[in-house]
Amino acid sequence: MKFLLLLASMSLAVLGQFSLKKGVITSDLSPNFFSIIKTIFSPNVFLGLACYGLSTIFWLFVLQKFDLSIAYPSLALTYIVIVFLSAWILHEPITLNKVFGVIFIFIGICLLNINSK
C-alpha cells in the first residue's frame, strides 16, 4: 500500500509538470502581474497546479509510511519518467548525457532502497 501512495504522488507530479509545460507554451507569459495571473488560471496551468496539490496530499501519507531518506530520493524516479515521456510526447531528444544521467539516478535509487523497511 505504501508504494501505491508513493506512485500516486509521483504520477500526479509528472502529470502536473506536463500540464504546466503545455500551459506555458500556449500562453503569453511575461514577467508582469496580469500575465502571470492569466497564465495561472489558464486551464492547463491550473490543472498542473491542482495535480501538484493532490500530489502533496499523497506525499503527506508517503512521509508517514517511509523514512524520509528513502522517500525523498525515490522522487528522482520522476526525473527518469519525465525524460522518456518528454521524448515521446514533446519530441525532445534523448541525448547520451540524458541516458547516463538516467542510469546513474536509477542506480542511486536502487542502492538507497536495498534492505529498506
C-alpha atoms as a PDB file:
ATOM      1  CA  MET A   1       0.000   0.000   0.000  1.00  0.00           C
ATOM      2  CA  LYS A   2       2.755   2.447   0.881  1.00  0.00           C
ATOM      3  CA  PHE A   3       4.321   2.031  -2.564  1.00  0.00           C
ATOM      4  CA  LEU A   4       0.970   2.865  -4.179  1.00  0.00           C
ATOM      5  CA  LEU A   5       0.929   6.115  -2.212  1.00  0.00           C
ATOM      6  CA  LEU A   6       4.419   6.923  -3.472  1.00  0.00           C
ATOM      7  CA  LEU A   7       3.433   6.011  -7.031  1.00  0.00           C
ATOM      8  CA  ALA A   8       0.297   8.175  -6.835  1.00  0.00           C
ATOM      9  CA  SER A   9       2.265  11.152  -5.555  1.00  0.00           C
ATOM     10  CA  MET A  10       4.910  10.742  -8.249  1.00  0.00           C
ATOM     11  CA  SER A  11       2.367  10.211 -11.042  1.00  0.00           C
ATOM     12  CA  LEU A  12       0.452  13.342 -10.099  1.00  0.00           C
ATOM     13  CA  ALA A  13       3.714  15.314 -10.010  1.00  0.00           C
ATOM     14  CA  VAL A  14       4.614  14.117 -13.520  1.00  0.00           C
ATOM     15  CA  LEU A  15       1.117  14.915 -14.814  1.00  0.00           C
ATOM     16  CA  GLY A  16       1.428  18.312 -13.165  1.00  0.00           C
ATOM     17  CA  GLN A  17       4.719  19.017 -14.945  1.00  0.00           C
ATOM     18  CA  PHE A  18       3.298  18.135 -18.358  1.00  0.00           C
ATOM     19  CA  SER A  19       0.189  20.230 -17.733  1.00  0.00           C
ATOM     20  CA  LEU A  20       2.319  23.193 -16.645  1.00  0.00           C
ATOM     21  CA  LYS A  21       4.545  22.796 -19.714  1.00  0.00           C
ATOM     22  CA  LYS A  22       1.565  22.631 -22.063  1.00  0.00           C
ATOM     23  CA  GLY A  23       0.034  25.644 -20.352  1.00  0.00           C
ATOM     24  CA  VAL A  24       3.100  27.862 -20.572  1.00  0.00           C
ATOM     25  CA  ILE A  25       3.971  27.006 -24.174  1.00  0.00           C
ATOM     26  CA  THR A  26       0.472  28.057 -25.227  1.00  0.00           C
ATOM     27  CA  SER A  27       0.380  31.211 -23.092  1.00  0.00           C
ATOM     28  CA  ASP A  28       1.781  34.688 -23.496  1.00  0.00           C
ATOM     29  CA  LEU A  29       3.537  34.533 -20.124  1.00  0.00           C
ATOM     30  CA  SER A  30       5.662  37.557 -19.355  1.00  0.00           C
ATOM     31  CA  PRO A  31       7.058  38.964 -16.106  1.00  0.00           C
ATOM     32  CA  ASN A  32       4.128  41.171 -15.207  1.00  0.00           C
ATOM     33  CA  PHE A  33       1.366  40.612 -12.665  1.00  0.00           C
ATOM     34  CA  PHE A  34      -1.585  40.336 -15.065  1.00  0.00           C
ATOM     35  CA  SER A  35       0.205  37.968 -17.419  1.00  0.00           C
ATOM     36  CA  ILE A  36       1.146  35.715 -14.516  1.00  0.00           C
ATOM     37  CA  ILE A  37      -2.403  35.687 -13.116  1.00  0.00           C
ATOM     38  CA  LYS A  38      -3.846  34.996 -16.568  1.00  0.00           C
ATOM     39  CA  THR A  39      -1.387  32.131 -17.045  1.00  0.00           C
ATOM     40  CA  ILE A  40      -2.049  30.633 -13.597  1.00  0.00           C
ATOM     41  CA  PHE A  41      -5.771  30.496 -14.320  1.00  0.00           C
ATOM     42  CA  SER A  42      -5.397  29.051 -17.809  1.00  0.00           C
ATOM     43  CA  PRO A  43      -6.834  25.507 -17.892  1.00  0.00           C
ATOM     44  CA  ASN A  44      -3.577  23.578 -18.326  1.00  0.00           C
ATOM     45  CA  VAL A  45      -1.570  25.549 -15.777  1.00  0.00           C
ATOM     46  CA  PHE A  46      -4.423  25.387 -13.282  1.00  0.00           C
ATOM     47  CA  LEU A  47      -4.664  21.611 -13.842  1.00  0.00           C
ATOM     48  CA  GLY A  48      -0.917  21.316 -13.290  1.00  0.00           C
ATOM     49  CA  LEU A  49      -1.116  23.226 -10.023  1.00  0.00           C
ATOM     50  CA  ALA A  50      -4.088  21.100  -8.924  1.00  0.00           C
ATOM     51  CA  CYS A  51      -2.118  17.934  -9.692  1.00  0.00           C
ATOM     52  CA  TYR A  52       0.736  19.251  -7.568  1.00  0.00           C
ATOM     53  CA  GLY A  53      -1.701  19.968  -4.749  1.00  0.00           C
ATOM     54  CA  LEU A  54      -3.067  16.424  -4.869  1.00  0.00           C
ATOM     55  CA  SER A  55       0.459  15.080  -5.141  1.00  0.00           C
ATOM     56  CA  THR A  56       1.335  16.941  -1.946  1.00  0.00           C
ATOM     57  CA  ILE A  57      -1.605  15.377  -0.115  1.00  0.00           C
ATOM     58  CA  PHE A  58      -0.445  11.905  -1.141  1.00  0.00           C
ATOM     59  CA  TRP A  59       3.097  12.924  -0.188  1.00  0.00           C
ATOM     60  CA  LEU A  60       1.984  13.555   3.386  1.00  0.00           C
ATOM     61  CA  PHE A  61       0.892   9.926   3.623  1.00  0.00           C
ATOM     62  CA  VAL A  62       4.141   8.794   1.996  1.00  0.00           C
ATOM     63  CA  LEU A  63       6.091  10.668   4.665  1.00  0.00           C
ATOM     64  CA  GLN A  64       4.042   8.895   7.310  1.00  0.00           C
ATOM     65  CA  LYS A  65       4.942   5.448   5.895  1.00  0.00           C
ATOM     66  CA  PHE A  66       8.559   5.811   4.658  1.00  0.00           C
ATOM     67  CA  ASP A  67      11.811   7.054   6.095  1.00  0.00           C
ATOM     68  CA  LEU A  68      12.498  10.471   4.579  1.00  0.00           C
ATOM     69  CA  SER A  69      15.935   9.258   3.491  1.00  0.00           C
ATOM     70  CA  ILE A  70      14.184   6.691   1.270  1.00  0.00           C
ATOM     71  CA  ALA A  71      11.060   8.572   0.197  1.00  0.00           C
ATOM     72  CA  TYR A  72      12.596  11.834  -0.955  1.00  0.00           C
ATOM     73  CA  PRO A  73      15.381  10.382  -3.118  1.00  0.00           C
ATOM     74  CA  SER A  74      12.823   7.983  -4.629  1.00  0.00           C
ATOM     75  CA  LEU A  75      11.147  11.023  -6.162  1.00  0.00           C
ATOM     76  CA  ALA A  76      14.080  11.072  -8.557  1.00  0.00           C
ATOM     77  CA  LEU A  77      12.218   8.359 -10.453  1.00  0.00           C
ATOM     78  CA  THR A  78      10.035  11.166 -11.756  1.00  0.00           C
ATOM     79  CA  TYR A  79      13.125  12.596 -13.498  1.00  0.00           C
ATOM     80  CA  ILE A  80      13.531   9.322 -15.366  1.00  0.00           C
ATOM     81  CA  VAL A  81       9.859   9.230 -16.349  1.00  0.00           C
ATOM     82  CA  ILE A  82       9.992  12.875 -17.470  1.00  0.00           C
ATOM     83  CA  VAL A  83      12.992  12.223 -19.750  1.00  0.00           C
ATOM     84  CA  PHE A  84      11.231   9.413 -21.599  1.00  0.00           C
ATOM     85  CA  LEU A  85       7.768  10.965 -21.679  1.00  0.00           C
ATOM     86  CA  SER A  86       9.254  14.259 -22.905  1.00  0.00           C
ATOM     87  CA  ALA A  87      10.869  12.391 -25.768  1.00  0.00           C
ATOM     88  CA  TRP A  88       7.633  10.601 -26.599  1.00  0.00           C
ATOM     89  CA  ILE A  89       5.107  13.398 -26.095  1.00  0.00           C
ATOM     90  CA  LEU A  90       7.128  16.579 -26.688  1.00  0.00           C
ATOM     91  CA  HIS A  91       9.621  15.076 -29.144  1.00  0.00           C
ATOM     92  CA  GLU A  92      12.568  16.244 -27.067  1.00  0.00           C
ATOM     93  CA  PRO A  93      15.826  14.471 -27.934  1.00  0.00           C
ATOM     94  CA  ILE A  94      17.297  11.807 -25.671  1.00  0.00           C
ATOM     95  CA  THR A  95      20.994  12.558 -25.647  1.00  0.00           C
ATOM     96  CA  LEU A  96      23.808  10.354 -24.408  1.00  0.00           C
ATOM     97  CA  ASN A  97      24.165  12.613 -21.367  1.00  0.00           C
ATOM     98  CA  LYS A  98      20.486  12.087 -20.535  1.00  0.00           C
ATOM     99  CA  VAL A  99      20.888   8.321 -20.859  1.00  0.00           C
ATOM    100  CA  PHE A 100      23.863   8.304 -18.482  1.00  0.00           C
ATOM    101  CA  GLY A 101      22.017  10.610 -16.081  1.00  0.00           C
ATOM    102  CA  VAL A 102      19.007   8.279 -16.057  1.00  0.00           C
ATOM    103  CA  ILE A 103      21.249   5.272 -15.441  1.00  0.00           C
ATOM    104  CA  PHE A 104      23.005   6.973 -12.516  1.00  0.00           C
ATOM    105  CA  ILE A 105      19.706   8.097 -10.991  1.00  0.00           C
ATOM    106  CA  PHE A 106      18.298   4.585 -11.267  1.00  0.00           C
ATOM    107  CA  ILE A 107      21.376   3.002  -9.704  1.00  0.00           C
ATOM    108  CA  GLY A 108      21.261   5.516  -6.857  1.00  0.00           C
ATOM    109  CA  ILE A 109      17.606   4.833  -6.130  1.00  0.00           C
ATOM    110  CA  CYS A 110      18.236   1.079  -6.168  1.00  0.00           C
ATOM    111  CA  LEU A 111      21.127   1.446  -3.750  1.00  0.00           C
ATOM    112  CA  LEU A 112      19.034   3.564  -1.373  1.00  0.00           C
ATOM    113  CA  ASN A 113      16.168   1.098  -1.391  1.00  0.00           C
ATOM    114  CA  ILE A 114      18.205  -2.056  -0.802  1.00  0.00           C
ATOM    115  CA  ASN A 115      17.153  -3.522   2.534  1.00  0.00           C
ATOM    116  CA  SER A 116      14.748  -0.645   3.271  1.00  0.00           C
ATOM    117  CA  LYS A 117      11.872  -1.262   5.657  1.00  0.00           C
END
